[in-house]
C-alpha atoms as a PDB file:
ATOM      1  CA  MET A   1     103.606  90.488  14.002  1.00  0.00           C
ATOM      2  CA  LYS A   2     100.684  90.394  11.255  1.00  0.00           C
ATOM      3  CA  ALA A   3      99.543  93.311   8.583  1.00  0.00           C
ATOM      4  CA  ILE A   4      97.348  93.831   5.876  1.00  0.00           C
ATOM      5  CA  LEU A   5      96.310  96.144   2.664  1.00  0.00           C
ATOM      6  CA  GLY A   6      92.912  97.968   2.969  1.00  0.00           C
ATOM      7  CA  ARG A   7      91.592 101.318   1.097  1.00  0.00           C
ATOM      8  CA  LYS A   8      90.141 103.399   4.017  1.00  0.00           C
ATOM      9  CA  MET A   9      86.422 104.338   2.936  1.00  0.00           C
ATOM     10  CA  GLY A  10      85.411 106.982   5.267  1.00  0.00           C
ATOM     11  CA  MET A  11      83.977 106.971   8.934  1.00  0.00           C
ATOM     12  CA  THR A  12      80.744 106.422  10.229  1.00  0.00           C
ATOM     13  CA  SER A  13      79.481 105.429  13.747  1.00  0.00           C
ATOM     14  CA  VAL A  14      78.460 102.194  15.705  1.00  0.00           C
ATOM     15  CA  PHE A  15      76.782 101.470  18.907  1.00  0.00           C
ATOM     16  CA  ALA A  16      77.282  99.175  21.603  1.00  0.00           C
ATOM     17  CA  GLU A  17      74.606  97.008  23.696  1.00  0.00           C
ATOM     18  CA  ASP A  18      75.341  99.318  26.508  1.00  0.00           C
ATOM     19  CA  GLY A  19      74.968 102.810  24.627  1.00  0.00           C
ATOM     20  CA  THR A  20      78.310 103.260  24.180  1.00  0.00           C
ATOM     21  CA  LEU A  21      78.551 104.788  20.548  1.00  0.00           C
ATOM     22  CA  TYR A  22      81.848 104.469  18.490  1.00  0.00           C
ATOM     23  CA  PRO A  23      83.176 106.689  16.128  1.00  0.00           C
ATOM     24  CA  VAL A  24      84.909 104.590  13.416  1.00  0.00           C
ATOM     25  CA  THR A  25      86.482 104.518  10.306  1.00  0.00           C
ATOM     26  CA  VAL A  26      85.766 101.943   7.573  1.00  0.00           C
ATOM     27  CA  VAL A  27      88.662 100.176   5.699  1.00  0.00           C
ATOM     28  CA  GLU A  28      87.559  97.971   2.902  1.00  0.00           C
ATOM     29  CA  VAL A  29      89.696  94.867   3.075  1.00  0.00           C
ATOM     30  CA  LEU A  30      89.805  92.659  -0.357  1.00  0.00           C
ATOM     31  CA  PRO A  31      91.784  89.424  -0.107  1.00  0.00           C
ATOM     32  CA  ASN A  32      95.288  90.260  -0.646  1.00  0.00           C
ATOM     33  CA  VAL A  33      97.061  87.674  -2.685  1.00  0.00           C
ATOM     34  CA  VAL A  34     100.810  86.549  -1.695  1.00  0.00           C
ATOM     35  CA  THR A  35     102.635  87.110  -5.066  1.00  0.00           C
ATOM     36  CA  GLN A  36     106.282  86.863  -3.845  1.00  0.00           C
ATOM     37  CA  VAL A  37     107.491  85.226  -0.606  1.00  0.00           C
ATOM     38  CA  LYS A  38     111.216  86.671   0.978  1.00  0.00           C
ATOM     39  CA  THR A  39     112.768  84.311   3.026  1.00  0.00           C
ATOM     40  CA  LEU A  40     115.776  84.869   5.646  1.00  0.00           C
ATOM     41  CA  GLU A  41     118.071  82.883   3.476  1.00  0.00           C
ATOM     42  CA  LYS A  42     117.850  84.269   0.396  1.00  0.00           C
ATOM     43  CA  ASP A  43     116.791  87.647   0.956  1.00  0.00           C
ATOM     44  CA  GLY A  44     118.112  88.471   4.596  1.00  0.00           C
ATOM     45  CA  TYR A  45     114.430  89.338   5.997  1.00  0.00           C
ATOM     46  CA  VAL A  46     111.153  87.588   6.392  1.00  0.00           C
ATOM     47  CA  ALA A  47     108.322  89.581   4.386  1.00  0.00           C
ATOM     48  CA  VAL A  48     105.616  88.651   1.801  1.00  0.00           C
ATOM     49  CA  GLN A  49     104.607  90.578  -1.047  1.00  0.00           C
ATOM     50  CA  VAL A  50     100.972  90.912  -1.610  1.00  0.00           C
ATOM     51  CA  GLY A  51      98.958  92.374  -4.373  1.00  0.00           C
ATOM     52  CA  TYR A  52      95.584  94.727  -3.764  1.00  0.00           C
ATOM     53  CA  GLU A  53      92.496  94.935  -6.363  1.00  0.00           C
ATOM     54  CA  GLU A  54      92.696  92.643  -9.417  1.00  0.00           C
ATOM     55  CA  LYS A  55      93.462  94.448 -12.502  1.00  0.00           C
ATOM     56  CA  LYS A  56      92.781  93.712 -16.236  1.00  0.00           C
ATOM     57  CA  GLU A  57      95.561  92.098 -17.848  1.00  0.00           C
ATOM     58  CA  SER A  58      95.344  94.447 -20.592  1.00  0.00           C
ATOM     59  CA  ARG A  59      95.928  97.085 -18.437  1.00  0.00           C
ATOM     60  CA  ALA A  60      99.142  95.426 -17.259  1.00  0.00           C
ATOM     61  CA  ASN A  61     102.867  95.604 -18.117  1.00  0.00           C
ATOM     62  CA  LYS A  62     105.389  92.771 -18.964  1.00  0.00           C
ATOM     63  CA  ALA A  63     106.310  92.664 -15.183  1.00  0.00           C
ATOM     64  CA  GLU A  64     102.901  92.575 -13.374  1.00  0.00           C
ATOM     65  CA  LYS A  65     102.145  89.832 -15.854  1.00  0.00           C
ATOM     66  CA  GLY A  66     105.014  87.756 -15.197  1.00  0.00           C
ATOM     67  CA  ILE A  67     104.731  88.108 -11.270  1.00  0.00           C
ATOM     68  CA  ALA A  68     100.971  87.100 -11.626  1.00  0.00           C
ATOM     69  CA  LYS A  69     102.062  84.373 -13.691  1.00  0.00           C
ATOM     70  CA  LYS A  70     104.406  82.568 -11.086  1.00  0.00           C
ATOM     71  CA  ALA A  71     101.364  83.276  -8.056  1.00  0.00           C
ATOM     72  CA  ASN A  72      98.943  82.166 -10.485  1.00  0.00           C
ATOM     73  CA  THR A  73      97.020  84.758 -10.112  1.00  0.00           C
ATOM     74  CA  VAL A  74      95.994  88.144 -12.156  1.00  0.00           C
ATOM     75  CA  PRO A  75      97.828  91.307 -11.952  1.00  0.00           C
ATOM     76  CA  HIS A  76      96.848  93.637  -8.978  1.00  0.00           C
ATOM     77  CA  TYR A  77      96.308  97.632  -8.620  1.00  0.00           C
ATOM     78  CA  VAL A  78      98.680  97.803  -5.696  1.00  0.00           C
ATOM     79  CA  SER A  79     101.382  95.704  -4.961  1.00  0.00           C
ATOM     80  CA  LYS A  80     103.412  95.953  -1.348  1.00  0.00           C
ATOM     81  CA  GLU A  81     105.935  93.947   1.171  1.00  0.00           C
ATOM     82  CA  LEU A  82     104.488  92.958   4.649  1.00  0.00           C
ATOM     83  CA  ARG A  83     107.111  92.352   7.179  1.00  0.00           C
ATOM     84  CA  GLY A  84     106.663  90.150  10.120  1.00  0.00           C
ATOM     85  CA  ASP A  85     107.312  86.787  11.769  1.00  0.00           C
ATOM     86  CA  GLU A  86     103.911  85.742  11.007  1.00  0.00           C
ATOM     87  CA  MET A  87     103.694  86.355   7.616  1.00  0.00           C
ATOM     88  CA  GLY A  88     106.650  83.538   6.646  1.00  0.00           C
ATOM     89  CA  ALA A  89     103.976  81.067   6.928  1.00  0.00           C
ATOM     90  CA  TYR A  90     101.952  81.874   4.039  1.00  0.00           C
ATOM     91  CA  GLN A  91     103.117  80.603   0.766  1.00  0.00           C
ATOM     92  CA  LEU A  92     102.881  81.820  -3.077  1.00  0.00           C
ATOM     93  CA  GLY A  93      99.394  82.477  -4.471  1.00  0.00           C
ATOM     94  CA  ASP A  94      97.705  82.359  -0.519  1.00  0.00           C
ATOM     95  CA  GLN A  95      95.016  84.901   0.105  1.00  0.00           C
ATOM     96  CA  ILE A  96      94.876  86.855   3.189  1.00  0.00           C
ATOM     97  CA  LYS A  97      91.447  88.298   4.696  1.00  0.00           C
ATOM     98  CA  ALA A  98      90.101  90.562   6.969  1.00  0.00           C
ATOM     99  CA  ASP A  99      89.801  87.858   9.747  1.00  0.00           C
ATOM    100  CA  LEU A 100      93.573  88.086  10.379  1.00  0.00           C
ATOM    101  CA  PHE A 101      92.527  89.952  12.927  1.00  0.00           C
ATOM    102  CA  LYS A 102      89.612  89.841  15.300  1.00  0.00           C
ATOM    103  CA  ASP A 103      87.183  92.505  17.523  1.00  0.00           C
ATOM    104  CA  GLY A 104      89.525  93.932  20.318  1.00  0.00           C
ATOM    105  CA  ASP A 105      92.586  93.883  18.935  1.00  0.00           C
ATOM    106  CA  ILE A 106      94.991  96.796  19.235  1.00  0.00           C
ATOM    107  CA  VAL A 107      96.558  97.988  15.915  1.00  0.00           C
ATOM    108  CA  ASP A 108      98.929 100.659  14.335  1.00  0.00           C
ATOM    109  CA  VAL A 109      97.782 101.793  10.824  1.00  0.00           C
ATOM    110  CA  ILE A 110     100.305 103.662   8.315  1.00  0.00           C
ATOM    111  CA  GLY A 111      98.744 105.691   5.546  1.00  0.00           C
ATOM    112  CA  THR A 112      99.635 108.434   3.540  1.00  0.00           C
ATOM    113  CA  SER A 113      98.773 111.895   4.869  1.00  0.00           C
ATOM    114  CA  LYS A 114      96.338 114.356   2.884  1.00  0.00           C
ATOM    115  CA  GLY A 115      98.598 116.741   0.934  1.00  0.00           C
ATOM    116  CA  HIS A 116      98.235 120.761   1.034  1.00  0.00           C
ATOM    117  CA  GLY A 117     100.711 121.581  -1.593  1.00  0.00           C
ATOM    118  CA  TYR A 118     103.437 124.292  -0.954  1.00  0.00           C
ATOM    119  CA  SER A 119     102.361 126.027   2.031  1.00  0.00           C
ATOM    120  CA  GLY A 120     103.089 128.840   4.365  1.00  0.00           C
ATOM    121  CA  THR A 121     104.452 128.514   8.221  1.00  0.00           C
ATOM    122  CA  ILE A 122     101.482 129.690   9.594  1.00  0.00           C
ATOM    123  CA  LYS A 123      99.563 126.864   7.834  1.00  0.00           C
ATOM    124  CA  ARG A 124     102.640 124.440   7.786  1.00  0.00           C
ATOM    125  CA  TRP A 125     103.975 124.551  11.399  1.00  0.00           C
ATOM    126  CA  HIS A 126     101.169 126.606  12.568  1.00  0.00           C
ATOM    127  CA  MET A 127     102.989 129.865  13.969  1.00  0.00           C
ATOM    128  CA  HIS A 128     101.238 133.007  15.382  1.00  0.00           C
ATOM    129  CA  ILE A 129      99.859 135.270  12.923  1.00  0.00           C
ATOM    130  CA  GLY A 130     101.232 138.907  13.198  1.00  0.00           C
ATOM    131  CA  PRO A 131      99.313 142.009  14.077  1.00  0.00           C
ATOM    132  CA  LYS A 132      96.301 142.543  11.636  1.00  0.00           C
ATOM    133  CA  GLY A 133      96.276 146.420  11.818  1.00  0.00           C
ATOM    134  CA  HIS A 134      96.904 148.117   8.186  1.00  0.00           C
ATOM    135  CA  GLY A 135     100.466 149.837   9.952  1.00  0.00           C
ATOM    136  CA  SER A 136     101.690 146.285  10.603  1.00  0.00           C
ATOM    137  CA  GLY A 137     104.482 145.178   8.196  1.00  0.00           C
ATOM    138  CA  TYR A 138     104.398 141.706   9.511  1.00  0.00           C
ATOM    139  CA  HIS A 139     101.193 139.581   9.183  1.00  0.00           C
ATOM    140  CA  ARG A 140     101.632 136.027   8.075  1.00  0.00           C
ATOM    141  CA  GLY A 141     105.627 136.018   7.534  1.00  0.00           C
ATOM    142  CA  GLN A 142     108.120 133.449   8.832  1.00  0.00           C
ATOM    143  CA  GLY A 143     109.526 135.474  11.892  1.00  0.00           C
ATOM    144  CA  SER A 144     113.220 136.087  12.841  1.00  0.00           C
ATOM    145  CA  PHE A 145     116.147 134.133  11.457  1.00  0.00           C
ATOM    146  CA  ALA A 146     118.047 135.162  14.197  1.00  0.00           C
ATOM    147  CA  ASN A 147     120.685 132.963  15.868  1.00  0.00           C
ATOM    148  CA  ASN A 148     122.431 134.855  17.889  1.00  0.00           C
ATOM    149  CA  GLY A 149     125.987 134.648  15.885  1.00  0.00           C
ATOM    150  CA  ARG A 150     126.320 131.058  15.704  1.00  0.00           C
ATOM    151  CA  TYR A 151     125.621 130.543  12.403  1.00  0.00           C
ATOM    152  CA  ASN A 152     126.368 133.469  10.464  1.00  0.00           C
ATOM    153  CA  HIS A 153     126.816 132.178   6.787  1.00  0.00           C
ATOM    154  CA  GLY A 154     123.656 130.214   6.441  1.00  0.00           C
ATOM    155  CA  VAL A 155     120.353 128.889   7.846  1.00  0.00           C
ATOM    156  CA  MET A 156     120.392 126.545  10.599  1.00  0.00           C
ATOM    157  CA  PRO A 157     118.343 123.195   9.635  1.00  0.00           C
ATOM    158  CA  GLY A 158     115.561 122.546  10.960  1.00  0.00           C
ATOM    159  CA  LYS A 159     114.695 126.258  10.552  1.00  0.00           C
ATOM    160  CA  HIS A 160     110.789 126.031  10.103  1.00  0.00           C
ATOM    161  CA  MET A 161     109.854 127.573   6.866  1.00  0.00           C
ATOM    162  CA  SER A 162     107.525 127.250   4.147  1.00  0.00           C
ATOM    163  CA  GLY A 163     107.346 124.735   1.742  1.00  0.00           C
ATOM    164  CA  HIS A 164     105.611 121.155   0.444  1.00  0.00           C
ATOM    165  CA  HIS A 165     103.013 120.336   3.139  1.00  0.00           C
ATOM    166  CA  GLY A 166     101.661 117.114   3.647  1.00  0.00           C
ATOM    167  CA  ASN A 167     101.662 114.003   1.311  1.00  0.00           C
ATOM    168  CA  LYS A 168     103.988 111.690   3.755  1.00  0.00           C
ATOM    169  CA  SER A 169     103.909 108.680   5.633  1.00  0.00           C
ATOM    170  CA  ALA A 170     101.797 108.896   8.664  1.00  0.00           C
ATOM    171  CA  THR A 171     101.492 106.443  11.490  1.00  0.00           C
ATOM    172  CA  LEU A 172      98.653 106.315  14.269  1.00  0.00           C
ATOM    173  CA  LEU A 173      99.430 103.939  17.264  1.00  0.00           C
ATOM    174  CA  ASN A 174      97.373 101.346  19.383  1.00  0.00           C
ATOM    175  CA  LEU A 175      93.905 102.165  17.620  1.00  0.00           C
ATOM    176  CA  LEU A 176      91.026  99.957  18.902  1.00  0.00           C
ATOM    177  CA  VAL A 177      89.642  97.243  15.972  1.00  0.00           C
ATOM    178  CA  VAL A 178      85.911  97.361  16.543  1.00  0.00           C
ATOM    179  CA  LYS A 179      84.520  94.971  14.504  1.00  0.00           C
ATOM    180  CA  VAL A 180      85.819  92.419  11.829  1.00  0.00           C
ATOM    181  CA  ASP A 181      83.521  90.890   9.184  1.00  0.00           C
ATOM    182  CA  ALA A 182      85.444  89.127   6.521  1.00  0.00           C
ATOM    183  CA  GLU A 183      82.698  87.897   4.615  1.00  0.00           C
ATOM    184  CA  LYS A 184      81.614  91.308   3.535  1.00  0.00           C
ATOM    185  CA  GLY A 185      85.265  92.757   3.678  1.00  0.00           C
ATOM    186  CA  TYR A 186      85.641  95.502   6.210  1.00  0.00           C
ATOM    187  CA  ILE A 187      87.144  96.332   9.173  1.00  0.00           C
ATOM    188  CA  LEU A 188      86.006  98.951  11.364  1.00  0.00           C
ATOM    189  CA  ILE A 189      88.773 101.306  13.418  1.00  0.00           C
ATOM    190  CA  LYS A 190      88.175 103.427  16.283  1.00  0.00           C
ATOM    191  CA  GLY A 191      88.607 106.941  15.362  1.00  0.00           C
ATOM    192  CA  GLY A 192      89.998 108.316  12.333  1.00  0.00           C
ATOM    193  CA  LEU A 193      92.599 107.242  10.162  1.00  0.00           C
ATOM    194  CA  PRO A 194      95.356 109.098   8.157  1.00  0.00           C
ATOM    195  CA  GLY A 195      94.927 109.798   4.210  1.00  0.00           C
ATOM    196  CA  ALA A 196      92.085 111.026   2.156  1.00  0.00           C
ATOM    197  CA  LYS A 197      89.245 108.802   1.193  1.00  0.00           C
ATOM    198  CA  LYS A 198      89.872 106.063  -1.318  1.00  0.00           C
ATOM    199  CA  SER A 199      93.358 105.668   0.034  1.00  0.00           C
ATOM    200  CA  ILE A 200      95.643 102.567   0.638  1.00  0.00           C
ATOM    201  CA  VAL A 201      96.417 102.046   4.649  1.00  0.00           C
ATOM    202  CA  THR A 202      98.507  98.991   5.990  1.00  0.00           C
ATOM    203  CA  VAL A 203      96.856  97.702   9.134  1.00  0.00           C
ATOM    204  CA  ARG A 204      99.438  96.094  11.394  1.00  0.00           C
ATOM    205  CA  SER A 205      99.854  94.560  14.963  1.00  0.00           C
ATOM    206  CA  ALA A 206     100.683  97.247  17.465  1.00  0.00           C
ATOM    207  CA  VAL A 207     104.623  97.237  17.607  1.00  0.00           C
ATOM    208  CA  LYS A 208     104.273  99.032  21.294  1.00  0.00           C
ATOM    209  CA  THR A 209     103.237  97.924  24.918  1.00  0.00           C
ATOM    210  CA  VAL A 210      99.514  98.937  25.644  1.00  0.00           C
ATOM    211  CA  LYS A 211      98.954  99.728  29.348  1.00  0.00           C
ATOM    212  CA  ASN A 212      95.132 100.358  29.743  1.00  0.00           C
ATOM    213  CA  LYS A 213      93.547  98.450  26.497  1.00  0.00           C
ATOM    214  CA  GLU A 214      90.286  99.365  26.075  1.00  0.00           C
ATOM    215  CA  SER A 215      87.815  96.193  25.688  1.00  0.00           C
ATOM    216  CA  VAL A 216      85.319  96.975  22.382  1.00  0.00           C
ATOM    217  CA  LYS A 217      81.840  95.991  24.039  1.00  0.00           C
ATOM    218  CA  THR A 218      79.115  93.600  21.514  1.00  0.00           C
ATOM    219  CA  LEU A 219      77.868  96.239  18.803  1.00  0.00           C
ATOM    220  CA  VAL A 220      73.835  96.044  18.560  1.00  0.00           C
ATOM    221  CA  ASN A 221      72.628  94.906  15.047  1.00  0.00           C
ATOM    222  CA  ARG A 222      70.494  98.198  14.581  1.00  0.00           C
ATOM    223  CA  ALA A 223      68.333  96.626  12.343  1.00  0.00           C
ATOM    224  CA  PRO A 224      64.900  98.534  11.665  1.00  0.00           C
ATOM    225  CA  ALA A 225      62.083  97.426  14.288  1.00  0.00           C
ATOM    226  CA  PRO A 226      59.166  96.418  12.587  1.00  0.00           C
ATOM    227  CA  VAL A 227      56.312  98.645  11.792  1.00  0.00           C
ATOM    228  CA  ALA A 228      53.165  97.158  13.378  1.00  0.00           C
ATOM    229  CA  GLU A 229      50.071  97.414  11.217  1.00  0.00           C
ATOM    230  CA  GLU A 230      47.361  99.206  12.590  1.00  0.00           C
ATOM    231  CA  THR A 231      43.956  97.455  13.356  1.00  0.00           C
ATOM    232  CA  PRO A 232      40.643  98.972  12.028  1.00  0.00           C
ATOM    233  CA  ALA A 233      38.355 100.257  13.879  1.00  0.00           C
ATOM    234  CA  PRO A 234      35.034  98.168  14.245  1.00  0.00           C
ATOM    235  CA  ALA A 235      32.515  99.312  12.236  1.00  0.00           C
ATOM    236  CA  GLU A 236      29.832 101.022  13.989  1.00  0.00           C
ATOM    237  CA  GLU A 237      26.335  99.412  14.272  1.00  0.00           C
ATOM    238  CA  ALA A 238      23.781 100.881  12.027  1.00  0.00           C
ATOM    239  CA  LYS A 239      21.099 103.136  13.783  1.00  0.00           C
ATOM    240  CA  ALA A 240      18.207 101.371  13.653  1.00  0.00           C
ATOM    241  CA  GLU A 241      15.593 103.586  11.758  1.00  0.00           C
END
């Protein structure tokens, strides 16, 4: 399994040669610099710690400066471990770029969902709203807490109630990589991804078997068509006097 860090930039759409329209999310992928290497002998598992998005040294603390010095690089804003057998081949200071994946790959994307703060059950759990008439004593309540006497001294665990909504890890499985451009540093992934714009996401190899793998068509480079210059009309012959 392989993985890389990126930043969700937003959504757009691209066309294939046969006219297929792909709604895609643009993931900016700057070079991931390997700042630490975890080995099976020393740490008990195989992984690499990577840094994403360079930070001025004046804004880094001592720990960040020390880690960057060992890897012969500069401090980074984001530091995260990427696990997988294929990640063990990287050494300290190596760069992992977007060409780790290729067009047509099936990947999983891990991000942090949008936070909605403290929310009620209608918004958080999509419960049914009560009657809207003026005589109704129940509009957006939490519903009955009855449990048939099985747990009379408290609320049963797992009861859907109001509370903190969102801002937690979310994973989407088996997404199609439509296009990879290592030179410009981006990956186009079909469909939407978890998280807000500018949030950090992890793109990894799919961990579940894909039965019906979708193939990506060749994309059309939709450059603007050249504008034909207008040919001036021939001047009319002067009328003879």
